[in-house]
Amino acid sequence: MKMILILLIVLLPVVASASNVVLEWDANTETDLSHYVLYYGTESAVYTDFEDSMGLDTGVTVYVNDDGQTYYFALRAFNLSGVSSDLSNEVFKLTEAPTVNQQPTSDAGGDQNVDENCTVTLDGFGSFDPDGDSLDYTWAQILGPTVGLNDPTSMQATFITASSVGEAFIFELTVTDPDGLFDSDSCTINVIGPDGVIDIREELGCFLEIAK
């Protein structure tokens, strides 16, 4: 008895950890044919699993893990006396390794020394996701006199320093990927006086020394 095994691969996106492997073959013509048995494993010609539920059907679907391994398949036909054919030709299916989501990186930009009564741009352009996913941006003020942030959920946000000579503002940028992984970074905005002097002032119990 000679058989040719045909492999059809159908991926199931709704089953994240498995592939649906469909195999079909030509029927044997022996009148005393009893059933078929499919053998498979992760090494060529070494089969650790089998499927025998198909009876005389000339096709079967088996599930294998998407684990980055190659699965090999071969078939035998059995007659009513229990005598089997030789193994069919071998076919194989290479599965995809599962994708692990990676944490994004937030970049709030460099510190800035600015004048009073000017518009300051906070820029998170340097933020990125190693998987290439889109990011959500959230700017928050964590130090300094409260200011109104424009577009705090955009890559770039702005605010006006008003009359804040000698003040230090710290803003934090949090970026979040579609799976909820996030990262935060901060930047400091120093408002200088007319003579270019920046105060050394105590904030939240810590001394913050700003370079001139």
N, C-alpha and C. Protein backbone atom coordinates (compact mmCIF):
# COMPACT_ATOMS: atom_id res chain seq x y z
N MET A 1 0.85 -1.19 0.00
CA MET A 1 0.00 0.00 0.00
C MET A 1 0.89 1.25 0.00
N LYS A 2 0.69 2.10 -0.96
CA LYS A 2 1.48 3.31 -1.07
C LYS A 2 0.57 4.52 -0.95
N MET A 3 0.97 5.49 -0.15
CA MET A 3 0.13 6.66 0.09
C MET A 3 0.93 7.93 -0.10
N ILE A 4 0.25 8.95 -0.55
CA ILE A 4 0.84 10.28 -0.65
C ILE A 4 0.08 11.19 0.30
N LEU A 5 0.77 11.76 1.25
CA LEU A 5 0.16 12.61 2.27
C LEU A 5 0.31 14.07 1.85
N ILE A 6 -0.79 14.77 1.91
CA ILE A 6 -0.82 16.19 1.55
C ILE A 6 -1.08 17.00 2.80
N LEU A 7 -0.29 18.03 3.00
CA LEU A 7 -0.43 18.87 4.19
C LEU A 7 -1.03 20.22 3.82
N LEU A 8 -2.10 20.57 4.50
CA LEU A 8 -2.71 21.88 4.37
C LEU A 8 -2.62 22.56 5.72
N ILE A 9 -2.15 23.81 5.76
CA ILE A 9 -2.00 24.53 7.01
C ILE A 9 -3.08 25.60 7.10
N VAL A 10 -3.83 25.57 8.19
CA VAL A 10 -4.82 26.60 8.45
C VAL A 10 -4.52 27.19 9.82
N LEU A 11 -4.16 28.48 9.86
CA LEU A 11 -3.86 29.12 11.13
C LEU A 11 -5.13 29.70 11.71
N LEU A 12 -5.28 29.54 13.03
CA LEU A 12 -6.45 30.05 13.72
C LEU A 12 -6.05 31.26 14.56
N PRO A 13 -6.33 32.46 14.10
CA PRO A 13 -5.93 33.62 14.88
C PRO A 13 -6.63 33.72 16.22
N VAL A 14 -7.79 33.06 16.38
CA VAL A 14 -8.50 33.14 17.65
C VAL A 14 -7.90 32.22 18.69
N VAL A 15 -7.01 31.32 18.28
CA VAL A 15 -6.31 30.45 19.23
C VAL A 15 -4.85 30.88 19.21
N ALA A 16 -4.48 31.70 20.18
CA ALA A 16 -3.18 32.37 20.12
C ALA A 16 -2.02 31.41 20.26
N SER A 17 -2.22 30.25 20.91
CA SER A 17 -1.09 29.38 21.22
C SER A 17 -1.06 28.12 20.36
N ALA A 18 -1.91 28.00 19.36
CA ALA A 18 -1.96 26.76 18.60
C ALA A 18 -2.25 27.03 17.13
N SER A 19 -1.82 26.06 16.29
CA SER A 19 -2.14 26.07 14.87
C SER A 19 -3.03 24.88 14.56
N ASN A 20 -3.96 25.08 13.66
CA ASN A 20 -4.84 24.03 13.21
C ASN A 20 -4.22 23.46 11.93
N VAL A 21 -3.72 22.23 11.99
CA VAL A 21 -3.03 21.62 10.86
C VAL A 21 -3.96 20.61 10.20
N VAL A 22 -4.29 20.83 8.93
CA VAL A 22 -5.19 19.96 8.18
C VAL A 22 -4.37 19.11 7.23
N LEU A 23 -4.54 17.79 7.32
CA LEU A 23 -3.81 16.86 6.45
C LEU A 23 -4.81 16.04 5.66
N GLU A 24 -4.53 15.83 4.38
CA GLU A 24 -5.38 15.04 3.50
C GLU A 24 -4.54 14.08 2.68
N TRP A 25 -5.11 12.97 2.24
CA TRP A 25 -4.39 11.99 1.45
C TRP A 25 -5.36 11.24 0.53
N ASP A 26 -4.79 10.58 -0.48
CA ASP A 26 -5.59 9.78 -1.39
C ASP A 26 -5.99 8.48 -0.71
N ALA A 27 -7.20 8.03 -0.97
CA ALA A 27 -7.70 6.80 -0.34
C ALA A 27 -7.00 5.58 -0.93
N ASN A 28 -6.77 4.60 -0.07
CA ASN A 28 -6.26 3.31 -0.53
C ASN A 28 -7.40 2.52 -1.20
N THR A 29 -7.03 1.63 -2.11
CA THR A 29 -8.04 0.90 -2.89
C THR A 29 -8.26 -0.53 -2.40
N GLU A 30 -7.54 -0.97 -1.36
CA GLU A 30 -7.70 -2.35 -0.87
C GLU A 30 -9.11 -2.55 -0.31
N THR A 31 -9.68 -3.70 -0.60
CA THR A 31 -11.05 -4.00 -0.15
C THR A 31 -11.11 -4.31 1.34
N ASP A 32 -9.98 -4.72 1.93
CA ASP A 32 -9.98 -5.05 3.36
C ASP A 32 -9.38 -3.93 4.20
N LEU A 33 -9.38 -2.71 3.67
CA LEU A 33 -8.82 -1.57 4.40
C LEU A 33 -9.64 -1.32 5.67
N SER A 34 -8.94 -1.13 6.78
CA SER A 34 -9.61 -0.95 8.07
C SER A 34 -9.61 0.51 8.53
N HIS A 35 -8.44 1.12 8.59
CA HIS A 35 -8.35 2.50 9.09
C HIS A 35 -6.97 3.07 8.81
N TYR A 36 -6.84 4.37 9.12
CA TYR A 36 -5.58 5.07 8.98
C TYR A 36 -5.11 5.56 10.36
N VAL A 37 -3.80 5.69 10.49
CA VAL A 37 -3.22 6.27 11.71
C VAL A 37 -2.18 7.32 11.28
N LEU A 38 -2.33 8.52 11.82
CA LEU A 38 -1.38 9.60 11.55
C LEU A 38 -0.39 9.68 12.71
N TYR A 39 0.90 9.75 12.37
CA TYR A 39 1.95 9.87 13.38
C TYR A 39 2.63 11.23 13.22
N TYR A 40 3.01 11.84 14.35
CA TYR A 40 3.69 13.13 14.25
C TYR A 40 4.57 13.39 15.48
N GLY A 41 5.51 14.27 15.31
CA GLY A 41 6.44 14.66 16.37
C GLY A 41 7.30 15.82 15.93
N THR A 42 8.24 16.20 16.76
CA THR A 42 9.07 17.38 16.48
C THR A 42 10.45 17.02 15.92
N GLU A 43 10.66 15.75 15.60
CA GLU A 43 11.88 15.32 14.91
C GLU A 43 11.50 14.51 13.69
N SER A 44 12.25 14.69 12.64
CA SER A 44 11.97 13.94 11.41
C SER A 44 12.11 12.44 11.66
N ALA A 45 11.07 11.69 11.27
CA ALA A 45 11.03 10.22 11.38
C ALA A 45 11.01 9.73 12.82
N VAL A 46 10.84 10.63 13.76
CA VAL A 46 10.68 10.24 15.17
C VAL A 46 9.33 10.78 15.64
N TYR A 47 8.35 9.89 15.76
CA TYR A 47 6.97 10.33 16.01
C TYR A 47 6.55 9.95 17.43
N THR A 48 6.23 10.95 18.21
CA THR A 48 5.88 10.73 19.61
C THR A 48 4.38 10.80 19.87
N ASP A 49 3.61 11.22 18.88
CA ASP A 49 2.15 11.32 19.03
C ASP A 49 1.49 10.69 17.81
N PHE A 50 0.23 10.34 18.00
CA PHE A 50 -0.51 9.78 16.87
C PHE A 50 -1.98 10.19 16.97
N GLU A 51 -2.67 10.07 15.84
CA GLU A 51 -4.11 10.35 15.76
C GLU A 51 -4.75 9.23 14.95
N ASP A 52 -5.74 8.55 15.55
CA ASP A 52 -6.36 7.42 14.85
C ASP A 52 -7.88 7.51 14.84
N SER A 53 -8.39 8.73 15.03
CA SER A 53 -9.84 8.89 15.13
C SER A 53 -10.53 8.95 13.77
N MET A 54 -9.78 9.00 12.66
CA MET A 54 -10.41 9.27 11.36
C MET A 54 -10.99 8.02 10.71
N GLY A 55 -10.67 6.81 11.19
CA GLY A 55 -11.22 5.61 10.55
C GLY A 55 -10.80 5.53 9.10
N LEU A 56 -11.78 5.53 8.18
CA LEU A 56 -11.50 5.47 6.75
C LEU A 56 -11.52 6.86 6.10
N ASP A 57 -11.73 7.88 6.88
CA ASP A 57 -11.70 9.24 6.32
C ASP A 57 -10.31 9.53 5.77
N THR A 58 -10.26 10.32 4.73
CA THR A 58 -8.97 10.63 4.10
C THR A 58 -8.50 12.05 4.45
N GLY A 59 -8.77 12.45 5.65
CA GLY A 59 -8.31 13.76 6.12
C GLY A 59 -8.49 13.84 7.62
N VAL A 60 -7.68 14.67 8.26
CA VAL A 60 -7.76 14.85 9.70
C VAL A 60 -7.19 16.22 10.06
N THR A 61 -7.67 16.77 11.15
CA THR A 61 -7.16 18.03 11.68
C THR A 61 -6.53 17.77 13.04
N VAL A 62 -5.31 18.23 13.20
CA VAL A 62 -4.64 18.11 14.50
C VAL A 62 -4.18 19.49 14.95
N TYR A 63 -4.07 19.64 16.25
CA TYR A 63 -3.62 20.91 16.82
C TYR A 63 -2.20 20.75 17.34
N VAL A 64 -1.34 21.70 16.99
CA VAL A 64 0.03 21.72 17.52
C VAL A 64 0.29 23.10 18.09
N ASN A 65 1.21 23.17 19.03
CA ASN A 65 1.53 24.45 19.68
C ASN A 65 2.32 25.35 18.74
N ASP A 66 2.03 26.64 18.83
CA ASP A 66 2.87 27.63 18.15
C ASP A 66 4.05 27.94 19.08
N ASP A 67 5.08 27.13 18.98
CA ASP A 67 6.22 27.25 19.88
C ASP A 67 7.54 27.37 19.15
N GLY A 68 7.50 27.67 17.85
CA GLY A 68 8.72 27.84 17.09
C GLY A 68 9.37 26.54 16.64
N GLN A 69 8.74 25.40 16.90
CA GLN A 69 9.30 24.12 16.50
C GLN A 69 8.71 23.67 15.16
N THR A 70 9.39 22.70 14.54
CA THR A 70 8.89 22.08 13.33
C THR A 70 8.24 20.75 13.69
N TYR A 71 7.02 20.53 13.19
CA TYR A 71 6.29 19.29 13.43
C TYR A 71 6.28 18.47 12.14
N TYR A 72 6.55 17.16 12.28
CA TYR A 72 6.64 16.25 11.14
C TYR A 72 5.48 15.25 11.21
N PHE A 73 4.93 14.90 10.02
CA PHE A 73 3.75 14.04 9.96
C PHE A 73 3.97 12.92 8.93
N ALA A 74 3.47 11.72 9.24
CA ALA A 74 3.47 10.60 8.30
C ALA A 74 2.28 9.71 8.62
N LEU A 75 1.86 8.89 7.66
CA LEU A 75 0.61 8.13 7.76
C LEU A 75 0.84 6.66 7.45
N ARG A 76 0.07 5.81 8.12
CA ARG A 76 0.01 4.38 7.79
C ARG A 76 -1.44 3.99 7.55
N ALA A 77 -1.63 3.01 6.67
CA ALA A 77 -2.94 2.39 6.48
C ALA A 77 -2.90 0.98 7.07
N PHE A 78 -4.01 0.56 7.67
CA PHE A 78 -4.10 -0.77 8.27
C PHE A 78 -5.26 -1.53 7.63
N ASN A 79 -5.06 -2.87 7.44
CA ASN A 79 -6.16 -3.69 6.94
C ASN A 79 -6.86 -4.35 8.11
N LEU A 80 -7.86 -5.15 7.79
CA LEU A 80 -8.68 -5.77 8.83
C LEU A 80 -7.90 -6.77 9.68
N SER A 81 -6.79 -7.24 9.17
CA SER A 81 -5.95 -8.19 9.92
C SER A 81 -4.92 -7.49 10.79
N GLY A 82 -4.92 -6.16 10.75
CA GLY A 82 -3.97 -5.40 11.54
C GLY A 82 -2.64 -5.19 10.87
N VAL A 83 -2.50 -5.59 9.61
CA VAL A 83 -1.26 -5.40 8.88
C VAL A 83 -1.23 -3.95 8.37
N SER A 84 -0.08 -3.31 8.53
CA SER A 84 0.02 -1.90 8.15
C SER A 84 0.85 -1.73 6.91
N SER A 85 0.63 -0.62 6.27
CA SER A 85 1.47 -0.22 5.13
C SER A 85 2.77 0.36 5.64
N ASP A 86 3.67 0.64 4.73
CA ASP A 86 4.83 1.45 5.08
C ASP A 86 4.36 2.86 5.40
N LEU A 87 5.21 3.61 6.05
CA LEU A 87 4.88 5.01 6.30
C LEU A 87 4.80 5.77 4.97
N SER A 88 3.90 6.71 4.92
CA SER A 88 3.79 7.57 3.74
C SER A 88 4.98 8.51 3.67
N ASN A 89 5.00 9.34 2.65
CA ASN A 89 5.97 10.43 2.63
C ASN A 89 5.76 11.32 3.85
N GLU A 90 6.80 11.98 4.27
CA GLU A 90 6.73 12.85 5.44
C GLU A 90 6.51 14.29 5.01
N VAL A 91 5.64 14.97 5.72
CA VAL A 91 5.43 16.41 5.51
C VAL A 91 5.68 17.10 6.84
N PHE A 92 5.89 18.41 6.78
CA PHE A 92 6.21 19.12 8.02
C PHE A 92 5.55 20.48 8.05
N LYS A 93 5.45 21.00 9.25
CA LYS A 93 4.87 22.32 9.50
C LYS A 93 5.76 23.05 10.50
N LEU A 94 6.29 24.22 10.09
CA LEU A 94 7.09 25.06 10.98
C LEU A 94 6.17 26.04 11.67
N THR A 95 6.11 26.01 13.00
CA THR A 95 5.24 26.91 13.75
C THR A 95 5.98 28.19 14.10
N GLU A 96 5.23 29.19 14.43
CA GLU A 96 5.81 30.48 14.79
C GLU A 96 6.01 30.56 16.30
N ALA A 97 7.14 31.09 16.69
CA ALA A 97 7.38 31.30 18.12
C ALA A 97 6.45 32.39 18.64
N PRO A 98 5.96 32.26 19.86
CA PRO A 98 5.07 33.29 20.40
C PRO A 98 5.77 34.62 20.51
N THR A 99 5.05 35.69 20.24
CA THR A 99 5.61 37.03 20.34
C THR A 99 5.45 37.57 21.75
N VAL A 100 6.54 38.06 22.32
CA VAL A 100 6.52 38.63 23.67
C VAL A 100 6.53 40.15 23.55
N ASN A 101 5.51 40.77 24.12
CA ASN A 101 5.42 42.23 24.05
C ASN A 101 6.52 42.86 24.90
N GLN A 102 7.15 43.90 24.35
CA GLN A 102 8.23 44.58 25.05
C GLN A 102 7.77 45.95 25.53
N GLN A 103 8.37 46.39 26.62
CA GLN A 103 8.00 47.66 27.23
C GLN A 103 8.46 48.83 26.37
N PRO A 104 7.61 49.86 26.23
CA PRO A 104 8.03 51.05 25.49
C PRO A 104 9.02 51.88 26.31
N THR A 105 9.64 52.85 25.68
CA THR A 105 10.57 53.75 26.36
C THR A 105 10.07 55.18 26.23
N SER A 106 9.95 55.86 27.35
CA SER A 106 9.51 57.25 27.36
C SER A 106 10.72 58.18 27.33
N ASP A 107 10.60 59.26 26.58
CA ASP A 107 11.63 60.29 26.52
C ASP A 107 10.94 61.65 26.57
N ALA A 108 11.04 62.31 27.70
CA ALA A 108 10.36 63.60 27.88
C ALA A 108 11.15 64.77 27.31
N GLY A 109 12.28 64.51 26.69
CA GLY A 109 13.11 65.57 26.15
C GLY A 109 14.05 66.13 27.20
N GLY A 110 14.94 67.00 26.75
CA GLY A 110 15.94 67.56 27.67
C GLY A 110 15.37 68.66 28.54
N ASP A 111 16.11 68.99 29.62
CA ASP A 111 15.74 70.12 30.46
C ASP A 111 15.90 71.41 29.67
N GLN A 112 15.14 72.44 30.08
CA GLN A 112 15.17 73.71 29.35
C GLN A 112 15.30 74.88 30.31
N ASN A 113 16.04 75.89 29.92
CA ASN A 113 16.07 77.19 30.59
C ASN A 113 15.31 78.18 29.71
N VAL A 114 14.26 78.78 30.25
CA VAL A 114 13.38 79.63 29.43
C VAL A 114 13.13 80.95 30.13
N ASP A 115 12.63 81.92 29.35
CA ASP A 115 12.25 83.22 29.90
C ASP A 115 10.85 83.14 30.49
N GLU A 116 10.52 84.13 31.29
CA GLU A 116 9.15 84.23 31.80
C GLU A 116 8.23 84.71 30.68
N ASN A 117 6.96 84.46 30.85
CA ASN A 117 5.92 84.87 29.91
C ASN A 117 6.19 84.37 28.49
N CYS A 118 6.62 83.13 28.39
CA CYS A 118 6.81 82.55 27.06
C CYS A 118 6.14 81.19 27.00
N THR A 119 5.92 80.71 25.77
CA THR A 119 5.31 79.40 25.56
C THR A 119 6.40 78.34 25.49
N VAL A 120 6.26 77.31 26.30
CA VAL A 120 7.24 76.22 26.36
C VAL A 120 6.63 74.97 25.72
N THR A 121 7.41 74.30 24.89
CA THR A 121 6.96 73.06 24.26
C THR A 121 7.64 71.86 24.92
N LEU A 122 6.85 70.95 25.42
CA LEU A 122 7.35 69.68 25.95
C LEU A 122 7.24 68.65 24.84
N ASP A 123 8.33 67.98 24.53
CA ASP A 123 8.37 67.15 23.33
C ASP A 123 8.77 65.71 23.67
N GLY A 124 7.86 64.77 23.42
CA GLY A 124 8.13 63.35 23.66
C GLY A 124 8.50 62.60 22.41
N PHE A 125 9.05 63.32 21.41
CA PHE A 125 9.36 62.71 20.11
C PHE A 125 10.30 61.51 20.25
N GLY A 126 11.20 61.56 21.23
CA GLY A 126 12.18 60.49 21.38
C GLY A 126 11.63 59.20 21.97
N SER A 127 10.38 59.21 22.38
CA SER A 127 9.77 57.99 22.92
C SER A 127 9.57 56.98 21.80
N PHE A 128 9.64 55.69 22.14
CA PHE A 128 9.46 54.68 21.10
C PHE A 128 8.99 53.37 21.70
N ASP A 129 8.44 52.52 20.84
CA ASP A 129 8.04 51.17 21.22
C ASP A 129 8.85 50.18 20.40
N PRO A 130 9.61 49.27 21.04
CA PRO A 130 10.46 48.34 20.29
C PRO A 130 9.69 47.39 19.39
N ASP A 131 8.39 47.20 19.65
CA ASP A 131 7.56 46.35 18.79
C ASP A 131 6.93 47.12 17.64
N GLY A 132 7.14 48.43 17.62
CA GLY A 132 6.54 49.24 16.56
C GLY A 132 5.09 49.59 16.80
N ASP A 133 4.58 49.34 18.03
CA ASP A 133 3.19 49.64 18.33
C ASP A 133 2.99 51.14 18.53
N SER A 134 1.76 51.59 18.33
CA SER A 134 1.43 52.99 18.60
C SER A 134 1.43 53.22 20.11
N LEU A 135 1.67 54.45 20.51
CA LEU A 135 1.75 54.78 21.93
C LEU A 135 0.72 55.84 22.31
N ASP A 136 0.24 55.75 23.55
CA ASP A 136 -0.56 56.81 24.15
C ASP A 136 0.36 57.66 25.01
N TYR A 137 0.19 58.98 24.94
CA TYR A 137 1.04 59.92 25.66
C TYR A 137 0.24 60.62 26.74
N THR A 138 0.82 60.75 27.93
CA THR A 138 0.19 61.49 29.01
C THR A 138 1.24 62.33 29.72
N TRP A 139 1.06 63.66 29.64
CA TRP A 139 1.94 64.59 30.35
C TRP A 139 1.28 64.99 31.67
N ALA A 140 2.10 65.09 32.72
CA ALA A 140 1.58 65.51 34.03
C ALA A 140 2.62 66.38 34.73
N GLN A 141 2.15 67.43 35.37
CA GLN A 141 3.07 68.29 36.13
C GLN A 141 3.25 67.69 37.51
N ILE A 142 4.52 67.56 37.94
CA ILE A 142 4.77 66.97 39.25
C ILE A 142 5.51 67.92 40.20
N LEU A 143 5.90 69.11 39.72
CA LEU A 143 6.59 70.07 40.58
C LEU A 143 6.44 71.46 40.00
N GLY A 144 6.34 72.45 40.90
CA GLY A 144 6.28 73.85 40.49
C GLY A 144 4.87 74.40 40.56
N PRO A 145 4.74 75.75 40.46
CA PRO A 145 3.41 76.37 40.46
C PRO A 145 2.55 75.77 39.35
N THR A 146 1.30 75.49 39.66
CA THR A 146 0.42 74.83 38.71
C THR A 146 0.21 75.68 37.46
N VAL A 147 0.37 75.04 36.31
CA VAL A 147 0.12 75.71 35.03
C VAL A 147 -0.87 74.86 34.23
N GLY A 148 -1.48 75.51 33.25
CA GLY A 148 -2.40 74.78 32.37
C GLY A 148 -1.65 74.19 31.19
N LEU A 149 -1.72 72.87 31.04
CA LEU A 149 -1.05 72.20 29.92
C LEU A 149 -2.01 72.10 28.74
N ASN A 150 -1.53 72.49 27.58
CA ASN A 150 -2.29 72.30 26.35
C ASN A 150 -1.89 70.96 25.71
N ASP A 151 -2.87 70.19 25.28
CA ASP A 151 -2.65 68.89 24.63
C ASP A 151 -1.83 67.94 25.51
N PRO A 152 -2.26 67.69 26.74
CA PRO A 152 -1.48 66.83 27.64
C PRO A 152 -1.48 65.36 27.24
N THR A 153 -2.32 64.95 26.28
CA THR A 153 -2.33 63.56 25.82
C THR A 153 -1.76 63.43 24.41
N SER A 154 -0.95 64.40 24.01
CA SER A 154 -0.29 64.37 22.70
C SER A 154 1.22 64.19 22.90
N MET A 155 1.91 63.89 21.81
CA MET A 155 3.36 63.77 21.87
C MET A 155 3.99 65.08 22.35
N GLN A 156 3.42 66.20 21.89
CA GLN A 156 3.90 67.50 22.31
C GLN A 156 2.82 68.23 23.10
N ALA A 157 3.22 68.82 24.22
CA ALA A 157 2.31 69.62 25.03
C ALA A 157 2.97 70.99 25.25
N THR A 158 2.16 72.00 25.52
CA THR A 158 2.70 73.35 25.73
C THR A 158 2.10 73.97 26.98
N PHE A 159 2.81 74.96 27.51
CA PHE A 159 2.28 75.77 28.60
C PHE A 159 2.97 77.13 28.57
N ILE A 160 2.42 78.10 29.29
CA ILE A 160 2.98 79.45 29.36
C ILE A 160 3.57 79.66 30.74
N THR A 161 4.79 80.16 30.78
CA THR A 161 5.49 80.31 32.06
C THR A 161 4.93 81.43 32.92
N ALA A 162 4.30 82.45 32.31
CA ALA A 162 3.78 83.62 33.03
C ALA A 162 4.92 84.26 33.84
N SER A 163 4.58 84.91 34.96
CA SER A 163 5.61 85.57 35.77
C SER A 163 6.12 84.59 36.81
N SER A 164 7.12 83.80 36.41
CA SER A 164 7.58 82.71 37.28
C SER A 164 9.10 82.71 37.39
N VAL A 165 9.69 83.88 37.48
CA VAL A 165 11.15 83.95 37.53
C VAL A 165 11.68 83.15 38.72
N GLY A 166 12.68 82.35 38.45
CA GLY A 166 13.30 81.55 39.50
C GLY A 166 12.59 80.26 39.80
N GLU A 167 11.46 80.01 39.16
CA GLU A 167 10.71 78.77 39.42
C GLU A 167 11.26 77.61 38.59
N ALA A 168 11.11 76.42 39.14
CA ALA A 168 11.46 75.19 38.42
C ALA A 168 10.19 74.36 38.26
N PHE A 169 9.91 73.95 37.05
CA PHE A 169 8.76 73.10 36.76
C PHE A 169 9.28 71.71 36.33
N ILE A 170 8.70 70.68 36.85
CA ILE A 170 9.04 69.32 36.41
C ILE A 170 7.78 68.67 35.84
N PHE A 171 7.93 68.11 34.65
CA PHE A 171 6.83 67.43 33.99
C PHE A 171 7.22 65.98 33.70
N GLU A 172 6.26 65.11 33.85
CA GLU A 172 6.50 63.68 33.62
C GLU A 172 5.69 63.23 32.41
N LEU A 173 6.35 62.49 31.52
CA LEU A 173 5.67 61.92 30.36
C LEU A 173 5.57 60.41 30.54
N THR A 174 4.36 59.88 30.46
CA THR A 174 4.13 58.43 30.52
C THR A 174 3.62 57.98 29.16
N VAL A 175 4.28 56.97 28.60
CA VAL A 175 3.83 56.39 27.33
C VAL A 175 3.36 54.97 27.61
N THR A 176 2.27 54.59 26.94
CA THR A 176 1.64 53.29 27.18
C THR A 176 1.37 52.62 25.85
N ASP A 177 1.70 51.32 25.75
CA ASP A 177 1.45 50.59 24.51
C ASP A 177 0.07 49.94 24.55
N PRO A 178 -0.39 49.34 23.45
CA PRO A 178 -1.75 48.79 23.40
C PRO A 178 -2.01 47.68 24.41
N ASP A 179 -0.95 47.03 24.93
CA ASP A 179 -1.12 45.96 25.91
C ASP A 179 -1.00 46.46 27.34
N GLY A 180 -0.86 47.75 27.52
CA GLY A 180 -0.84 48.31 28.86
C GLY A 180 0.53 48.46 29.49
N LEU A 181 1.59 48.05 28.80
CA LEU A 181 2.93 48.29 29.32
C LEU A 181 3.28 49.77 29.17
N PHE A 182 3.97 50.32 30.16
CA PHE A 182 4.22 51.76 30.13
C PHE A 182 5.61 52.08 30.67
N ASP A 183 6.01 53.31 30.43
CA ASP A 183 7.28 53.82 30.94
C ASP A 183 7.13 55.32 31.13
N SER A 184 7.89 55.88 32.08
CA SER A 184 7.80 57.31 32.37
C SER A 184 9.17 57.95 32.38
N ASP A 185 9.20 59.23 32.01
CA ASP A 185 10.43 60.02 32.03
C ASP A 185 10.02 61.45 32.38
N SER A 186 10.96 62.23 32.89
CA SER A 186 10.63 63.59 33.28
C SER A 186 11.64 64.59 32.73
N CYS A 187 11.23 65.84 32.70
CA CYS A 187 12.12 66.92 32.30
C CYS A 187 11.86 68.12 33.21
N THR A 188 12.86 68.98 33.32
CA THR A 188 12.77 70.16 34.19
C THR A 188 12.83 71.42 33.33
N ILE A 189 11.91 72.34 33.63
CA ILE A 189 11.87 73.63 32.94
C ILE A 189 12.20 74.71 33.97
N ASN A 190 13.30 75.41 33.76
CA ASN A 190 13.73 76.48 34.66
C ASN A 190 13.41 77.84 34.05
N VAL A 191 12.76 78.69 34.82
CA VAL A 191 12.44 80.04 34.35
C VAL A 191 13.50 80.99 34.90
N ILE A 192 14.26 81.61 34.01
CA ILE A 192 15.38 82.47 34.42
C ILE A 192 14.91 83.91 34.54
N GLY A 193 15.66 84.70 35.34
CA GLY A 193 15.36 86.12 35.51
C GLY A 193 15.98 86.94 34.41
N PRO A 194 15.75 88.24 34.45
CA PRO A 194 16.29 89.12 33.41
C PRO A 194 17.82 89.08 33.32
N ASP A 195 18.47 88.83 34.46
CA ASP A 195 19.94 88.79 34.44
C ASP A 195 20.47 87.39 34.18
N GLY A 196 19.56 86.46 33.88
CA GLY A 196 19.98 85.10 33.57
C GLY A 196 20.29 84.26 34.77
N VAL A 197 19.99 84.75 35.98
CA VAL A 197 20.29 84.00 37.20
C VAL A 197 19.14 83.05 37.50
N ILE A 198 19.48 81.81 37.86
CA ILE A 198 18.48 80.82 38.25
C ILE A 198 18.68 80.53 39.74
N ASP A 199 17.60 80.60 40.50
CA ASP A 199 17.69 80.38 41.93
C ASP A 199 18.01 78.92 42.26
N ILE A 200 18.60 78.74 43.43
CA ILE A 200 18.68 77.41 44.03
C ILE A 200 17.62 77.40 45.12
N ARG A 201 16.61 76.56 45.00
CA ARG A 201 15.49 76.60 45.92
C ARG A 201 15.15 75.19 46.39
N GLU A 202 14.53 75.15 47.55
CA GLU A 202 14.16 73.87 48.15
C GLU A 202 12.74 73.53 47.73
N GLU A 203 12.54 72.33 47.16
CA GLU A 203 11.22 71.89 46.70
C GLU A 203 10.95 70.50 47.25
N LEU A 204 9.81 70.32 47.87
CA LEU A 204 9.38 68.99 48.36
C LEU A 204 10.43 68.34 49.25
N GLY A 205 11.12 69.15 50.06
CA GLY A 205 12.09 68.59 51.00
C GLY A 205 13.43 68.29 50.38
N CYS A 206 13.62 68.58 49.09
CA CYS A 206 14.88 68.29 48.42
C CYS A 206 15.45 69.59 47.86
N PHE A 207 16.78 69.73 47.85
CA PHE A 207 17.41 70.88 47.22
C PHE A 207 17.63 70.60 45.76
N LEU A 208 17.12 71.46 44.91
CA LEU A 208 17.27 71.31 43.47
C LEU A 208 18.20 72.40 42.98
N GLU A 209 19.40 72.04 42.55
CA GLU A 209 20.35 73.03 42.07
C GLU A 209 20.32 73.06 40.57
N ILE A 210 19.99 74.16 39.99
CA ILE A 210 19.88 74.31 38.54
C ILE A 210 21.09 75.05 38.01
N ALA A 211 21.68 74.47 36.98
CA ALA A 211 22.88 75.10 36.40
C ALA A 211 22.50 76.41 35.73
N LYS A 212 23.43 77.38 35.79
CA LYS A 212 23.18 78.67 35.14
C LYS A 212 23.38 78.53 33.64
